[in-house]
Amino acid sequence: MMQRTLTIIKPDAVGKNLAGGVLDCFERAGLRIVAAKMLWLQREQAEAFYYVHKEREFFGSLCEFMSSGPCIVAVLEGEDAIKKARAIMGATDPKNAEEGTIRKQFASSVQENAVHGSDAPATAEFEIGFFFSKFEIMQTKRKN
């Protein structure tokens, strides 16, 4: 099934000039970038985006980290895009990530793990809408 998912290249990866390598991993796996932009989240934006983790002990440090520098948000499209993107990213903890995954190649810790990805269709819909209007996302086929 054709899907869209959101990925964020986190401040650690952007700061190390790894964004191109991360995006290349998704593209080589057959996912298409249909929208992308660079931004620097304000603390309040990070808190709104990660609201589902508000009660978790890592919420504060996660929001601080995500607002610590620029990141790149992108919409990926492809067959089973959510599942495929998560497999390409690898385990949250880079120590547990399989060889060849983004996190194994580029991440340094559980928090500074280079990339975020939507985990379910409803999450992807919310996350894509958080960062992009429908006019900013390329259509797969041009409508005449």
Protein backbone atom coordinates (compact mmCIF):
# COMPACT_ATOMS: atom_id res chain seq x y z
CA MET A 1 0.00 0.00 0.00
CA MET A 2 1.29 3.46 -0.95
CA GLN A 3 1.90 5.53 2.18
CA ARG A 4 3.46 8.72 3.37
CA THR A 5 5.51 9.12 6.52
CA LEU A 6 7.43 11.89 8.21
CA THR A 7 11.10 11.80 9.04
CA ILE A 8 13.13 14.34 10.95
CA ILE A 9 16.86 14.52 10.57
CA LYS A 10 17.67 15.59 14.09
CA PRO A 11 20.01 18.40 15.20
CA ASP A 12 22.90 16.02 15.91
CA ALA A 13 22.94 14.67 12.34
CA VAL A 14 22.39 18.08 10.74
CA GLY A 15 25.18 19.54 12.89
CA LYS A 16 27.56 16.83 11.67
CA ASN A 17 26.63 17.43 8.00
CA LEU A 18 25.03 13.97 7.70
CA ALA A 19 21.65 15.05 6.29
CA GLY A 20 22.49 14.08 2.72
CA GLY A 21 23.65 10.64 3.81
CA VAL A 22 20.47 10.08 5.81
CA LEU A 23 18.22 11.12 2.92
CA ASP A 24 20.27 8.96 0.56
CA CYS A 25 19.54 5.89 2.70
CA PHE A 26 15.79 6.47 2.29
CA GLU A 27 16.06 7.12 -1.44
CA ARG A 28 18.25 4.08 -2.12
CA ALA A 29 15.58 1.97 -0.38
CA GLY A 30 12.97 3.21 -2.85
CA LEU A 31 11.29 5.94 -0.81
CA ARG A 32 10.61 9.22 -2.55
CA ILE A 33 11.04 12.63 -0.90
CA VAL A 34 7.85 14.57 -1.68
CA ALA A 35 8.46 17.50 0.70
CA ALA A 36 11.40 18.76 2.74
CA LYS A 37 12.51 21.84 4.64
CA MET A 38 15.06 22.92 7.21
CA LEU A 39 13.91 24.59 10.40
CA TRP A 40 14.93 25.26 13.96
CA LEU A 41 12.22 24.21 16.38
CA GLN A 42 11.35 26.52 19.24
CA ARG A 43 11.01 24.72 22.60
CA GLU A 44 7.21 25.18 22.49
CA GLN A 45 7.05 23.58 19.03
CA ALA A 46 9.08 20.59 20.19
CA GLU A 47 6.76 20.19 23.18
CA ALA A 48 3.69 20.34 20.92
CA PHE A 49 5.15 17.83 18.49
CA TYR A 50 6.20 15.33 21.17
CA TYR A 51 3.10 15.87 23.36
CA VAL A 52 2.42 12.10 23.48
CA HIS A 53 5.56 11.72 25.62
CA LYS A 54 4.67 14.54 28.03
CA GLU A 55 4.42 12.25 31.06
CA ARG A 56 7.63 10.34 30.30
CA GLU A 57 10.81 11.21 32.17
CA PHE A 58 12.77 11.96 28.97
CA PHE A 59 10.26 14.54 27.67
CA GLY A 60 12.17 17.59 28.91
CA SER A 61 15.56 16.50 27.62
CA LEU A 62 14.03 15.37 24.31
CA CYS A 63 12.41 18.78 23.76
CA GLU A 64 15.61 20.57 24.77
CA PHE A 65 17.63 18.48 22.33
CA MET A 66 15.16 18.86 19.46
CA SER A 67 15.24 22.65 19.88
CA SER A 68 19.03 22.81 20.21
CA GLY A 69 19.79 23.31 16.51
CA PRO A 70 18.43 23.07 12.99
CA CYS A 71 16.76 19.92 11.73
CA ILE A 72 15.34 18.79 8.41
CA VAL A 73 11.78 17.53 8.18
CA ALA A 74 10.75 15.51 5.16
CA VAL A 75 7.76 13.60 3.87
CA LEU A 76 8.65 10.24 2.38
CA GLU A 77 6.36 8.32 0.06
CA GLY A 78 6.40 4.73 -1.06
CA GLU A 79 5.07 1.23 -0.71
CA ASP A 80 4.59 0.55 3.03
CA ALA A 81 6.60 3.72 3.70
CA ILE A 82 6.15 3.71 7.48
CA LYS A 83 7.40 0.16 7.98
CA LYS A 84 10.16 0.58 5.40
CA ALA A 85 11.41 3.88 6.87
CA ARG A 86 11.49 2.46 10.39
CA ALA A 87 13.48 -0.56 9.20
CA ILE A 88 15.95 1.75 7.42
CA MET A 89 16.32 3.87 10.58
CA GLY A 90 17.05 0.91 12.86
CA ALA A 91 16.58 0.49 16.60
CA THR A 92 16.23 3.65 18.71
CA ASP A 93 19.42 2.76 20.59
CA PRO A 94 22.23 2.70 18.00
CA LYS A 95 23.99 -0.03 20.04
CA ASN A 96 21.06 -2.33 19.18
CA ALA A 97 20.64 -1.18 15.57
CA GLU A 98 21.46 -3.56 12.74
CA GLU A 99 24.44 -2.92 10.48
CA GLY A 100 23.62 -0.67 7.55
CA THR A 101 20.79 1.18 9.30
CA ILE A 102 20.85 4.96 9.67
CA ARG A 103 21.20 4.82 13.43
CA LYS A 104 24.01 2.28 13.32
CA GLN A 105 25.88 4.47 10.81
CA PHE A 106 25.15 7.96 12.11
CA ALA A 107 23.79 7.95 15.70
CA SER A 108 25.78 8.35 18.88
CA SER A 109 23.20 7.67 21.64
CA VAL A 110 19.55 6.89 22.33
CA GLN A 111 18.70 10.59 22.33
CA GLU A 112 21.15 11.74 19.67
CA ASN A 113 20.00 9.04 17.29
CA ALA A 114 20.09 11.06 14.07
CA VAL A 115 16.52 10.53 12.87
CA HIS A 116 12.85 10.38 13.83
CA GLY A 117 10.15 8.53 11.94
CA SER A 118 6.40 8.13 12.26
CA ASP A 119 5.35 4.84 13.83
CA ALA A 120 1.80 4.39 12.49
CA PRO A 121 -0.56 5.83 9.86
CA ALA A 122 -2.40 8.08 12.34
CA THR A 123 0.89 9.34 13.73
CA ALA A 124 2.20 10.03 10.22
CA GLU A 125 -0.91 12.02 9.37
CA PHE A 126 -0.55 14.18 12.51
CA GLU A 127 3.20 14.63 12.08
CA ILE A 128 3.05 15.52 8.39
CA GLY A 129 0.27 18.03 9.10
CA PHE A 130 2.30 19.52 11.95
CA PHE A 131 5.05 20.62 9.57
CA PHE A 132 3.50 20.82 6.09
CA SER A 133 0.40 22.20 4.40
CA LYS A 134 -1.08 20.16 1.58
CA PHE A 135 0.31 22.74 -0.88
CA GLU A 136 3.89 22.02 0.21
CA ILE A 137 3.73 18.30 -0.60
CA MET A 138 4.37 17.22 -4.16
CA GLN A 139 1.72 15.09 -5.81
CA THR A 140 2.91 11.79 -7.24
CA LYS A 141 1.04 12.49 -10.45
CA ARG A 142 0.39 15.95 -11.77
CA LYS A 143 -3.27 16.83 -12.10
CA ASN A 144 -4.20 18.78 -15.23
